[in-house]
Amino acid sequence: MLMVKRMATKKKEETDIDIFQSNLVPKHQILSGDEKAELMKSLNVSPKQFPRIKEDDPVVKILQGKKGDVIKITRNSLVAEEYNYYRVVA
């Protein structure tokens, strides 16, 4: 009888993979307090009006974001070349 030994494989941790190396993940950055206040004032909105991103999202974990932070996402576009999208950590 042939016995097959199961090899234990190490499960990759989220920190082992650099998701920002993928061209499918746009640039993310957390806005400073001043940048956040300026954005809210210029758009005349409150943080509750932004789309949310969960605190356990891999990008938020890597950036060490916390609840209430506003994340600026810079996306590429064929029409506008680049545009900014904002999400609040919830």
C-alpha atoms as a PDB file:
ATOM      1  CA  MET A   1       0.000   0.000   0.000  1.00  0.00           C
ATOM      2  CA  LEU A   2       1.348   3.369  -1.001  1.00  0.00           C
ATOM      3  CA  MET A   3       1.247   5.957   1.733  1.00  0.00           C
ATOM      4  CA  VAL A   4       1.133   9.583   0.758  1.00  0.00           C
ATOM      5  CA  LYS A   5       2.521  12.058   3.213  1.00  0.00           C
ATOM      6  CA  ARG A   6       0.717  15.335   3.359  1.00  0.00           C
ATOM      7  CA  MET A   7       3.060  18.246   3.344  1.00  0.00           C
ATOM      8  CA  ALA A   8       2.048  21.095   5.572  1.00  0.00           C
ATOM      9  CA  THR A   9       1.937  24.251   3.538  1.00  0.00           C
ATOM     10  CA  LYS A  10       2.290  27.581   5.159  1.00  0.00           C
ATOM     11  CA  LYS A  11      -0.750  29.751   4.578  1.00  0.00           C
ATOM     12  CA  LYS A  12       0.270  33.102   3.183  1.00  0.00           C
ATOM     13  CA  GLU A  13      -0.432  36.001   5.452  1.00  0.00           C
ATOM     14  CA  GLU A  14      -2.005  39.138   4.032  1.00  0.00           C
ATOM     15  CA  THR A  15       1.222  40.962   4.836  1.00  0.00           C
ATOM     16  CA  ASP A  16       3.224  38.525   2.699  1.00  0.00           C
ATOM     17  CA  ILE A  17       1.568  39.825  -0.465  1.00  0.00           C
ATOM     18  CA  ASP A  18       2.087  43.361  -1.727  1.00  0.00           C
ATOM     19  CA  ILE A  19      -1.259  44.123  -3.322  1.00  0.00           C
ATOM     20  CA  PHE A  20      -0.038  47.512  -4.513  1.00  0.00           C
ATOM     21  CA  GLN A  21       2.197  45.730  -7.060  1.00  0.00           C
ATOM     22  CA  SER A  22      -0.927  44.765  -9.006  1.00  0.00           C
ATOM     23  CA  ASN A  23      -2.023  47.141 -11.769  1.00  0.00           C
ATOM     24  CA  LEU A  24      -5.609  46.400 -10.704  1.00  0.00           C
ATOM     25  CA  VAL A  25      -5.191  48.180  -7.352  1.00  0.00           C
ATOM     26  CA  PRO A  26      -5.196  51.974  -7.716  1.00  0.00           C
ATOM     27  CA  LYS A  27      -3.137  54.342  -5.565  1.00  0.00           C
ATOM     28  CA  HIS A  28      -4.599  54.836  -2.071  1.00  0.00           C
ATOM     29  CA  GLN A  29      -3.606  57.398   0.532  1.00  0.00           C
ATOM     30  CA  ILE A  30      -5.057  58.567   3.828  1.00  0.00           C
ATOM     31  CA  LEU A  31      -5.818  62.284   3.947  1.00  0.00           C
ATOM     32  CA  SER A  32      -4.349  64.335   6.774  1.00  0.00           C
ATOM     33  CA  GLY A  33      -6.678  66.232   9.108  1.00  0.00           C
ATOM     34  CA  ASP A  34      -6.150  69.489   7.196  1.00  0.00           C
ATOM     35  CA  GLU A  35      -6.688  67.836   3.798  1.00  0.00           C
ATOM     36  CA  LYS A  36      -9.837  66.158   5.096  1.00  0.00           C
ATOM     37  CA  ALA A  37     -11.233  69.439   6.457  1.00  0.00           C
ATOM     38  CA  GLU A  38     -10.423  71.256   3.198  1.00  0.00           C
ATOM     39  CA  LEU A  39     -12.102  68.527   1.142  1.00  0.00           C
ATOM     40  CA  MET A  40     -15.234  68.583   3.312  1.00  0.00           C
ATOM     41  CA  LYS A  41     -15.416  72.361   3.040  1.00  0.00           C
ATOM     42  CA  SER A  42     -14.834  72.513  -0.723  1.00  0.00           C
ATOM     43  CA  LEU A  43     -17.437  69.818  -1.454  1.00  0.00           C
ATOM     44  CA  ASN A  44     -19.798  71.014   1.295  1.00  0.00           C
ATOM     45  CA  VAL A  45     -20.296  67.478   2.612  1.00  0.00           C
ATOM     46  CA  SER A  46     -19.879  65.489   5.801  1.00  0.00           C
ATOM     47  CA  PRO A  47     -17.967  62.213   6.155  1.00  0.00           C
ATOM     48  CA  LYS A  48     -21.294  60.348   6.393  1.00  0.00           C
ATOM     49  CA  GLN A  49     -21.994  61.270   2.761  1.00  0.00           C
ATOM     50  CA  PHE A  50     -18.950  59.433   1.393  1.00  0.00           C
ATOM     51  CA  PRO A  51     -19.017  55.783   0.353  1.00  0.00           C
ATOM     52  CA  ARG A  52     -17.601  53.543   3.057  1.00  0.00           C
ATOM     53  CA  ILE A  53     -14.686  51.154   3.120  1.00  0.00           C
ATOM     54  CA  LYS A  54     -14.447  48.597   5.904  1.00  0.00           C
ATOM     55  CA  GLU A  55     -11.717  48.798   8.499  1.00  0.00           C
ATOM     56  CA  ASP A  56     -10.759  45.181   7.760  1.00  0.00           C
ATOM     57  CA  ASP A  57     -10.228  45.842   4.031  1.00  0.00           C
ATOM     58  CA  PRO A  58      -6.694  44.703   3.067  1.00  0.00           C
ATOM     59  CA  VAL A  59      -5.730  48.158   1.770  1.00  0.00           C
ATOM     60  CA  VAL A  60      -6.947  49.875   4.941  1.00  0.00           C
ATOM     61  CA  LYS A  61      -4.990  47.376   7.041  1.00  0.00           C
ATOM     62  CA  ILE A  62      -1.798  48.027   5.073  1.00  0.00           C
ATOM     63  CA  LEU A  63      -2.251  51.811   5.344  1.00  0.00           C
ATOM     64  CA  GLN A  64      -3.149  51.403   9.043  1.00  0.00           C
ATOM     65  CA  GLY A  65      -6.364  53.354   8.588  1.00  0.00           C
ATOM     66  CA  LYS A  66      -8.839  53.767  11.392  1.00  0.00           C
ATOM     67  CA  LYS A  67     -12.518  54.646  11.605  1.00  0.00           C
ATOM     68  CA  GLY A  68     -13.249  58.146  10.356  1.00  0.00           C
ATOM     69  CA  ASP A  69     -10.191  58.394   8.086  1.00  0.00           C
ATOM     70  CA  VAL A  70     -10.839  59.520   4.533  1.00  0.00           C
ATOM     71  CA  ILE A  71      -8.960  57.595   1.856  1.00  0.00           C
ATOM     72  CA  LYS A  72      -8.187  59.220  -1.479  1.00  0.00           C
ATOM     73  CA  ILE A  73      -8.138  56.710  -4.325  1.00  0.00           C
ATOM     74  CA  THR A  74      -6.498  57.866  -7.556  1.00  0.00           C
ATOM     75  CA  ARG A  75      -7.811  55.878 -10.495  1.00  0.00           C
ATOM     76  CA  ASN A  76      -6.763  55.886 -14.131  1.00  0.00           C
ATOM     77  CA  SER A  77      -9.335  56.669 -16.802  1.00  0.00           C
ATOM     78  CA  LEU A  78      -9.232  56.630 -20.585  1.00  0.00           C
ATOM     79  CA  VAL A  79     -11.295  59.814 -20.679  1.00  0.00           C
ATOM     80  CA  ALA A  80     -10.017  61.878 -17.757  1.00  0.00           C
ATOM     81  CA  GLU A  81      -6.568  60.229 -17.443  1.00  0.00           C
ATOM     82  CA  GLU A  82      -6.750  60.348 -13.621  1.00  0.00           C
ATOM     83  CA  TYR A  83      -9.545  61.063 -11.212  1.00  0.00           C
ATOM     84  CA  ASN A  84      -9.884  60.988  -7.444  1.00  0.00           C
ATOM     85  CA  TYR A  85     -12.420  58.986  -5.521  1.00  0.00           C
ATOM     86  CA  TYR A  86     -12.906  59.285  -1.761  1.00  0.00           C
ATOM     87  CA  ARG A  87     -14.070  56.735   0.795  1.00  0.00           C
ATOM     88  CA  VAL A  88     -14.394  56.934   4.560  1.00  0.00           C
ATOM     89  CA  VAL A  89     -13.239  54.099   6.806  1.00  0.00           C
ATOM     90  CA  ALA A  90     -16.198  52.645   8.701  1.00  0.00           C
END
